[in-house]
């Protein structure tokens, strides 16, 4: 019985100490480069598809629109009657 408790405790510690995955897409930029390889990832720091494509030349990568891009909106004026 103590072995089962010890095994469960070890498994719990291993699961709790697993690395957390970071957010895939950065909502600050409209374009992401998807890099392919053993450890594929998204690099979202491009302001245009042209910029991303220029930097992707010669790499195993493609450029995609960021579906989570949060465009900054101008502040709204209040419509108060004076």
N, C-alpha and C. Protein backbone atom coordinates (compact mmCIF):
# COMPACT_ATOMS: atom_id res chain seq x y z
N UNK A 1 0.81 -1.20 0.00
CA UNK A 1 0.00 0.00 0.00
C UNK A 1 0.86 1.27 0.00
N UNK A 2 1.95 1.33 0.80
CA UNK A 2 2.78 2.53 0.77
C UNK A 2 3.41 2.78 -0.60
N UNK A 3 3.68 1.72 -1.35
CA UNK A 3 4.28 1.89 -2.67
C UNK A 3 3.32 2.60 -3.62
N UNK A 4 2.04 2.28 -3.52
CA UNK A 4 1.04 2.92 -4.39
C UNK A 4 0.96 4.41 -4.06
N UNK A 5 0.96 4.74 -2.79
CA UNK A 5 0.93 6.15 -2.38
C UNK A 5 2.16 6.90 -2.85
N UNK A 6 3.32 6.25 -2.74
CA UNK A 6 4.56 6.87 -3.19
C UNK A 6 4.55 7.06 -4.71
N UNK A 7 4.08 6.06 -5.42
CA UNK A 7 4.01 6.15 -6.88
C UNK A 7 3.07 7.27 -7.31
N UNK A 8 1.91 7.37 -6.66
CA UNK A 8 0.97 8.44 -6.98
C UNK A 8 1.56 9.81 -6.66
N UNK A 9 2.29 9.90 -5.57
CA UNK A 9 2.94 11.16 -5.21
C UNK A 9 3.98 11.58 -6.23
N UNK A 10 4.79 10.63 -6.69
CA UNK A 10 5.81 10.92 -7.69
C UNK A 10 5.16 11.35 -9.00
N UNK A 11 4.13 10.65 -9.42
CA UNK A 11 3.42 11.00 -10.66
C UNK A 11 2.81 12.40 -10.53
N UNK A 12 2.23 12.70 -9.39
CA UNK A 12 1.66 14.03 -9.16
C UNK A 12 2.72 15.12 -9.24
N UNK A 13 3.88 14.89 -8.66
CA UNK A 13 4.97 15.87 -8.73
C UNK A 13 5.46 16.06 -10.16
N UNK A 14 5.56 14.99 -10.91
CA UNK A 14 6.01 15.10 -12.30
C UNK A 14 5.01 15.89 -13.14
N UNK A 15 3.73 15.65 -12.94
CA UNK A 15 2.72 16.38 -13.69
C UNK A 15 2.67 17.85 -13.28
N UNK A 16 2.84 18.13 -12.02
CA UNK A 16 2.79 19.51 -11.53
C UNK A 16 4.01 20.31 -11.98
N UNK A 17 5.13 19.64 -12.20
CA UNK A 17 6.34 20.36 -12.57
C UNK A 17 6.54 20.44 -14.08
N UNK A 18 5.60 19.96 -14.86
CA UNK A 18 5.71 20.02 -16.32
C UNK A 18 5.70 21.47 -16.77
N UNK A 19 6.43 21.75 -17.83
CA UNK A 19 6.52 23.11 -18.34
C UNK A 19 5.18 23.56 -18.91
N UNK A 20 4.80 24.77 -18.61
CA UNK A 20 3.58 25.34 -19.17
C UNK A 20 3.89 25.91 -20.54
N UNK A 21 2.97 25.75 -21.48
CA UNK A 21 3.16 26.28 -22.82
C UNK A 21 2.76 27.74 -22.85
N UNK A 22 3.55 28.54 -23.51
CA UNK A 22 3.25 29.96 -23.63
C UNK A 22 2.16 30.17 -24.69
N UNK A 23 1.60 31.34 -24.69
CA UNK A 23 0.59 31.68 -25.69
C UNK A 23 1.24 31.63 -27.07
N UNK A 24 0.54 31.01 -28.01
CA UNK A 24 1.10 30.82 -29.34
C UNK A 24 1.18 32.12 -30.12
N UNK A 25 0.14 32.92 -30.07
CA UNK A 25 0.07 34.15 -30.86
C UNK A 25 0.20 35.37 -29.97
N UNK A 26 1.04 36.33 -30.36
CA UNK A 26 1.14 37.60 -29.65
C UNK A 26 0.11 38.55 -30.26
N UNK A 27 -0.87 39.02 -29.49
CA UNK A 27 -1.92 39.87 -30.05
C UNK A 27 -1.46 41.29 -30.40
N UNK A 28 -0.18 41.62 -30.22
CA UNK A 28 0.32 42.96 -30.49
C UNK A 28 0.65 43.19 -31.97
N UNK A 29 0.85 42.14 -32.75
CA UNK A 29 1.27 42.27 -34.14
C UNK A 29 0.30 41.55 -35.07
N UNK A 30 0.08 42.09 -36.27
CA UNK A 30 -0.91 41.51 -37.18
C UNK A 30 -0.43 40.30 -37.99
N UNK A 31 0.89 40.03 -38.03
CA UNK A 31 1.41 38.95 -38.87
C UNK A 31 2.34 38.06 -38.05
N UNK A 32 2.24 36.75 -38.28
CA UNK A 32 3.10 35.78 -37.61
C UNK A 32 3.85 34.95 -38.64
N UNK A 33 5.06 34.55 -38.28
CA UNK A 33 5.83 33.62 -39.10
C UNK A 33 5.75 32.26 -38.42
N UNK A 34 5.29 31.26 -39.16
CA UNK A 34 5.25 29.91 -38.64
C UNK A 34 6.52 29.21 -39.08
N UNK A 35 7.37 28.86 -38.11
CA UNK A 35 8.64 28.23 -38.39
C UNK A 35 8.45 26.72 -38.23
N UNK A 36 8.88 25.96 -39.24
CA UNK A 36 8.75 24.51 -39.21
C UNK A 36 10.07 23.88 -38.80
N UNK A 37 10.00 22.71 -38.21
CA UNK A 37 11.20 21.98 -37.81
C UNK A 37 10.85 21.01 -36.70
N UNK A 38 11.87 20.54 -35.99
CA UNK A 38 11.63 19.62 -34.89
C UNK A 38 10.77 20.28 -33.82
N UNK A 39 11.07 21.52 -33.53
CA UNK A 39 10.27 22.28 -32.57
C UNK A 39 9.67 23.45 -33.34
N UNK A 40 8.49 23.24 -33.93
CA UNK A 40 7.84 24.31 -34.68
C UNK A 40 7.23 25.34 -33.74
N UNK A 41 7.23 26.59 -34.17
CA UNK A 41 6.67 27.65 -33.33
C UNK A 41 6.24 28.82 -34.20
N UNK A 42 5.49 29.74 -33.60
CA UNK A 42 5.05 30.95 -34.26
C UNK A 42 5.83 32.13 -33.70
N UNK A 43 6.30 32.98 -34.59
CA UNK A 43 7.01 34.20 -34.21
C UNK A 43 6.15 35.37 -34.66
N UNK A 44 5.44 35.97 -33.74
CA UNK A 44 4.48 37.04 -34.07
C UNK A 44 5.06 38.40 -33.69
N UNK A 45 5.85 38.97 -34.60
CA UNK A 45 6.41 40.31 -34.35
C UNK A 45 6.60 41.07 -35.65
N UNK A 46 5.68 40.86 -36.58
CA UNK A 46 5.79 41.48 -37.89
C UNK A 46 4.60 42.40 -38.14
N UNK A 47 4.87 43.54 -38.76
CA UNK A 47 3.82 44.53 -39.00
C UNK A 47 3.15 44.37 -40.35
N UNK A 48 3.75 43.58 -41.26
CA UNK A 48 3.14 43.36 -42.57
C UNK A 48 3.56 42.01 -43.11
N UNK A 49 2.76 41.50 -44.06
CA UNK A 49 3.12 40.23 -44.71
C UNK A 49 4.41 40.39 -45.51
N UNK A 50 4.61 41.55 -46.13
CA UNK A 50 5.83 41.78 -46.91
C UNK A 50 7.07 41.70 -46.02
N UNK A 51 7.00 42.29 -44.85
CA UNK A 51 8.13 42.26 -43.92
C UNK A 51 8.42 40.82 -43.49
N UNK A 52 7.38 40.09 -43.17
CA UNK A 52 7.54 38.70 -42.73
C UNK A 52 8.11 37.84 -43.85
N UNK A 53 7.58 37.99 -45.06
CA UNK A 53 8.05 37.19 -46.19
C UNK A 53 9.51 37.49 -46.53
N UNK A 54 9.91 38.74 -46.41
CA UNK A 54 11.30 39.12 -46.65
C UNK A 54 12.22 38.40 -45.68
N UNK A 55 11.82 38.32 -44.43
CA UNK A 55 12.67 37.69 -43.41
C UNK A 55 12.54 36.17 -43.41
N UNK A 56 11.54 35.62 -44.10
CA UNK A 56 11.36 34.17 -44.15
C UNK A 56 12.13 33.53 -45.30
N UNK A 57 12.73 34.34 -46.18
CA UNK A 57 13.45 33.80 -47.34
C UNK A 57 14.59 32.90 -46.87
N UNK A 58 14.64 31.70 -47.43
CA UNK A 58 15.70 30.76 -47.10
C UNK A 58 15.44 29.94 -45.85
N UNK A 59 14.31 30.15 -45.22
CA UNK A 59 13.97 29.41 -44.00
C UNK A 59 12.81 28.47 -44.30
N UNK A 60 12.65 27.48 -43.50
CA UNK A 60 11.50 26.60 -43.59
C UNK A 60 10.38 27.25 -42.77
N UNK A 61 9.71 28.23 -43.40
CA UNK A 61 8.71 29.01 -42.68
C UNK A 61 7.68 29.57 -43.65
N UNK A 62 6.55 29.98 -43.10
CA UNK A 62 5.53 30.67 -43.88
C UNK A 62 4.93 31.78 -43.03
N UNK A 63 4.32 32.75 -43.69
CA UNK A 63 3.74 33.90 -42.99
C UNK A 63 2.23 33.80 -43.02
N UNK A 64 1.61 34.08 -41.89
CA UNK A 64 0.16 33.99 -41.77
C UNK A 64 -0.37 35.21 -41.02
N UNK A 65 -1.63 35.55 -41.29
CA UNK A 65 -2.28 36.63 -40.53
C UNK A 65 -2.54 36.14 -39.12
N UNK A 66 -2.31 37.00 -38.16
CA UNK A 66 -2.53 36.67 -36.76
C UNK A 66 -4.02 36.74 -36.44
N UNK A 67 -4.66 35.61 -36.12
CA UNK A 67 -6.10 35.63 -35.85
C UNK A 67 -6.45 36.31 -34.53
N UNK A 68 -5.47 36.54 -33.68
CA UNK A 68 -5.72 37.15 -32.37
C UNK A 68 -5.20 38.58 -32.28
N UNK A 69 -4.91 39.20 -33.42
CA UNK A 69 -4.40 40.57 -33.43
C UNK A 69 -5.45 41.51 -32.86
N UNK A 70 -5.04 42.30 -31.87
CA UNK A 70 -5.93 43.26 -31.23
C UNK A 70 -5.55 44.65 -31.72
N UNK A 71 -6.22 45.11 -32.77
CA UNK A 71 -5.92 46.43 -33.33
C UNK A 71 -6.25 47.52 -32.31
N UNK A 72 -5.37 48.51 -32.25
CA UNK A 72 -5.62 49.62 -31.34
C UNK A 72 -6.65 50.54 -31.95
N UNK A 73 -7.66 50.82 -31.19
CA UNK A 73 -8.74 51.69 -31.68
C UNK A 73 -8.57 53.09 -31.11
N UNK A 74 -8.89 54.11 -31.90
CA UNK A 74 -8.79 55.47 -31.38
C UNK A 74 -9.81 55.70 -30.28
N UNK A 75 -9.48 56.58 -29.37
CA UNK A 75 -10.39 56.89 -28.27
C UNK A 75 -11.66 57.53 -28.81
N UNK A 76 -12.78 57.16 -28.24
CA UNK A 76 -14.06 57.70 -28.70
C UNK A 76 -14.33 59.04 -28.02
N UNK A 77 -14.85 59.95 -28.80
CA UNK A 77 -15.24 61.24 -28.23
C UNK A 77 -16.65 61.11 -27.64
N UNK A 78 -16.84 61.81 -26.56
CA UNK A 78 -18.19 61.78 -25.98
C UNK A 78 -19.08 62.73 -26.76
N UNK A 79 -20.32 62.37 -26.93
CA UNK A 79 -21.28 63.17 -27.71
C UNK A 79 -22.23 63.89 -26.75
N UNK A 80 -21.64 64.75 -25.93
CA UNK A 80 -22.47 65.48 -24.96
C UNK A 80 -23.02 66.75 -25.58
N UNK A 81 -24.22 67.06 -25.23
CA UNK A 81 -24.83 68.32 -25.69
C UNK A 81 -24.44 69.41 -24.69
N UNK A 82 -23.85 70.49 -25.20
CA UNK A 82 -23.42 71.58 -24.31
C UNK A 82 -24.45 72.68 -24.23
